[in-house]
Structures are given as C-alpha cells and as structure tokens.
Amino acid sequence: MHPCAQYLSDRGSLYLKLDLVESAISDLSKAIEFEPKEYGSYMIRGDAYYQKNAREEALTDYRKVLQILDGDQRQGLFPAGNSGELRTP
C-alpha cells in the first residue's frame, strides 16, 4: 500500500472514532485516490457515510468492497447467514 494512502486511511479511521465524520470522509477519499483497490478505506468511508445518514453513499462504498473482494475474502465481513448481499431498507 502506498504510504500516503496508509497514513490517510489510518487518520480517517481515527477521525471517525472521534466523531469527526467530515474529516474522516475527506481523508478516506484521498486514501482511495492513492489506492483505489484497497477495500479497507471504502469500508471505513462507508461507515462514515452511514454515521452521517448518507445511506446511498454508504451502500456505494460497501458495494465497492464486494467488487474488490472475492467470495472467500468476504467471509467475516458480514453476520452469519448473510451472503454479503446488500439491501436497502
């Protein structure tokens, strides 16, 4: 992973834990620019969007995670009995 992407992803995650949602989204978006195939930044940014009640943006990021990961890699990302299919409420 590009060092800048790692730094921005880590800082974005920290911002989210501190409820600095906009700062988290900004850093995670920059991390994705450096490493568009790194699913972790999409996952955390999806969580930030979800926390912000931006459900469509969150779903877009979660779907991107599913595109990046193959079936075996998806295990553990979703509760038991959920195949990883995303549904809107």
C-alpha atoms as a PDB file:
ATOM      1  CA  MET A   1       0.000   0.000   0.000  1.00  0.00           C
ATOM      2  CA  HIS A   2       1.184   3.490  -0.807  1.00  0.00           C
ATOM      3  CA  PRO A   3       2.486   5.133   2.418  1.00  0.00           C
ATOM      4  CA  CYS A   4       0.275   8.204   1.950  1.00  0.00           C
ATOM      5  CA  ALA A   5      -2.783   6.007   1.479  1.00  0.00           C
ATOM      6  CA  GLN A   6      -1.992   4.095   4.669  1.00  0.00           C
ATOM      7  CA  TYR A   7      -1.497   7.304   6.649  1.00  0.00           C
ATOM      8  CA  LEU A   8      -4.712   8.868   5.329  1.00  0.00           C
ATOM      9  CA  SER A   9      -6.719   5.692   5.924  1.00  0.00           C
ATOM     10  CA  ASP A  10      -5.414   5.388   9.487  1.00  0.00           C
ATOM     11  CA  ARG A  11      -6.081   9.053  10.210  1.00  0.00           C
ATOM     12  CA  GLY A  12      -9.540   8.816   8.642  1.00  0.00           C
ATOM     13  CA  SER A  13     -10.331   5.864  10.886  1.00  0.00           C
ATOM     14  CA  LEU A  14      -9.178   7.832  13.923  1.00  0.00           C
ATOM     15  CA  TYR A  15     -11.273  10.835  12.887  1.00  0.00           C
ATOM     16  CA  LEU A  16     -14.318   8.590  12.644  1.00  0.00           C
ATOM     17  CA  LYS A  17     -13.700   7.231  16.144  1.00  0.00           C
ATOM     18  CA  LEU A  18     -13.580  10.852  17.347  1.00  0.00           C
ATOM     19  CA  ASP A  19     -16.890  11.608  15.557  1.00  0.00           C
ATOM     20  CA  LEU A  20     -15.142  13.936  13.107  1.00  0.00           C
ATOM     21  CA  VAL A  21     -17.121  12.436  10.248  1.00  0.00           C
ATOM     22  CA  GLU A  22     -16.420  15.050   7.560  1.00  0.00           C
ATOM     23  CA  SER A  23     -12.676  14.916   8.243  1.00  0.00           C
ATOM     24  CA  ALA A  24     -12.824  11.118   8.117  1.00  0.00           C
ATOM     25  CA  ILE A  25     -14.607  11.140   4.759  1.00  0.00           C
ATOM     26  CA  SER A  26     -12.108  13.648   3.368  1.00  0.00           C
ATOM     27  CA  ASP A  27      -9.040  11.628   4.403  1.00  0.00           C
ATOM     28  CA  LEU A  28     -10.528   8.322   3.303  1.00  0.00           C
ATOM     29  CA  SER A  29     -11.459   9.766  -0.085  1.00  0.00           C
ATOM     30  CA  LYS A  30      -7.856  10.913  -0.541  1.00  0.00           C
ATOM     31  CA  ALA A  31      -6.599   7.468   0.509  1.00  0.00           C
ATOM     32  CA  ILE A  32      -8.841   5.904  -2.137  1.00  0.00           C
ATOM     33  CA  GLU A  33      -7.321   8.190  -4.769  1.00  0.00           C
ATOM     34  CA  PHE A  34      -3.890   6.736  -3.929  1.00  0.00           C
ATOM     35  CA  GLU A  35      -5.079   3.114  -3.645  1.00  0.00           C
ATOM     36  CA  PRO A  36      -8.410   2.539  -5.399  1.00  0.00           C
ATOM     37  CA  LYS A  37      -8.166  -1.253  -4.976  1.00  0.00           C
ATOM     38  CA  GLU A  38      -7.709  -1.118  -1.179  1.00  0.00           C
ATOM     39  CA  TYR A  39     -11.056  -2.202   0.235  1.00  0.00           C
ATOM     40  CA  GLY A  40     -10.416  -1.056   3.819  1.00  0.00           C
ATOM     41  CA  SER A  41     -10.691   2.637   3.009  1.00  0.00           C
ATOM     42  CA  TYR A  42     -14.010   2.046   1.243  1.00  0.00           C
ATOM     43  CA  MET A  43     -15.303   0.061   4.212  1.00  0.00           C
ATOM     44  CA  ILE A  44     -14.403   2.756   6.737  1.00  0.00           C
ATOM     45  CA  ARG A  45     -15.670   5.554   4.494  1.00  0.00           C
ATOM     46  CA  GLY A  46     -18.910   3.604   4.092  1.00  0.00           C
ATOM     47  CA  ASP A  47     -19.189   3.504   7.880  1.00  0.00           C
ATOM     48  CA  ALA A  48     -18.599   7.274   7.995  1.00  0.00           C
ATOM     49  CA  TYR A  49     -21.290   7.899   5.397  1.00  0.00           C
ATOM     50  CA  TYR A  50     -23.646   5.618   7.299  1.00  0.00           C
ATOM     51  CA  GLN A  51     -22.961   7.508  10.520  1.00  0.00           C
ATOM     52  CA  LYS A  52     -23.746  10.719   8.623  1.00  0.00           C
ATOM     53  CA  ASN A  53     -27.059   9.188   7.441  1.00  0.00           C
ATOM     54  CA  ALA A  54     -25.833   9.285   3.842  1.00  0.00           C
ATOM     55  CA  ARG A  55     -27.150   5.789   3.161  1.00  0.00           C
ATOM     56  CA  GLU A  56     -26.774   5.776  -0.638  1.00  0.00           C
ATOM     57  CA  GLU A  57     -23.117   6.816  -0.408  1.00  0.00           C
ATOM     58  CA  ALA A  58     -22.539   4.161   2.258  1.00  0.00           C
ATOM     59  CA  LEU A  59     -24.112   1.481   0.066  1.00  0.00           C
ATOM     60  CA  THR A  60     -21.986   2.586  -2.877  1.00  0.00           C
ATOM     61  CA  ASP A  61     -18.821   2.127  -0.815  1.00  0.00           C
ATOM     62  CA  TYR A  62     -19.958  -1.221   0.610  1.00  0.00           C
ATOM     63  CA  ARG A  63     -20.756  -2.439  -2.900  1.00  0.00           C
ATOM     64  CA  LYS A  64     -17.272  -1.386  -3.997  1.00  0.00           C
ATOM     65  CA  VAL A  65     -15.847  -3.566  -1.206  1.00  0.00           C
ATOM     66  CA  LEU A  66     -17.799  -6.513  -2.614  1.00  0.00           C
ATOM     67  CA  GLN A  67     -16.461  -5.796  -6.116  1.00  0.00           C
ATOM     68  CA  ILE A  68     -12.870  -5.757  -4.852  1.00  0.00           C
ATOM     69  CA  LEU A  69     -13.084  -8.901  -2.712  1.00  0.00           C
ATOM     70  CA  ASP A  70     -13.726 -12.408  -3.964  1.00  0.00           C
ATOM     71  CA  GLY A  71     -16.088 -14.809  -2.194  1.00  0.00           C
ATOM     72  CA  ASP A  72     -13.523 -16.286   0.202  1.00  0.00           C
ATOM     73  CA  GLN A  73     -12.270 -12.859   1.244  1.00  0.00           C
ATOM     74  CA  ARG A  74     -15.811 -11.697   2.035  1.00  0.00           C
ATOM     75  CA  GLN A  75     -16.205 -14.181   4.884  1.00  0.00           C
ATOM     76  CA  GLY A  76     -16.113 -12.456   8.229  1.00  0.00           C
ATOM     77  CA  LEU A  77     -17.280  -9.117   6.835  1.00  0.00           C
ATOM     78  CA  PHE A  78     -20.958  -9.957   7.316  1.00  0.00           C
ATOM     79  CA  PRO A  79     -23.006 -11.584  10.081  1.00  0.00           C
ATOM     80  CA  ALA A  80     -23.572 -15.333   9.905  1.00  0.00           C
ATOM     81  CA  GLY A  81     -26.238 -16.257   7.386  1.00  0.00           C
ATOM     82  CA  ASN A  82     -25.683 -13.158   5.248  1.00  0.00           C
ATOM     83  CA  SER A  83     -24.073 -13.899   1.927  1.00  0.00           C
ATOM     84  CA  GLY A  84     -22.852 -10.347   1.507  1.00  0.00           C
ATOM     85  CA  GLU A  85     -25.875  -9.225  -0.457  1.00  0.00           C
ATOM     86  CA  LEU A  86     -26.604  -5.572   0.264  1.00  0.00           C
ATOM     87  CA  ARG A  87     -30.205  -4.498   0.518  1.00  0.00           C
ATOM     88  CA  THR A  88     -31.654  -1.068   1.037  1.00  0.00           C
ATOM     89  CA  PRO A  89     -34.092  -0.786   3.966  1.00  0.00           C
END
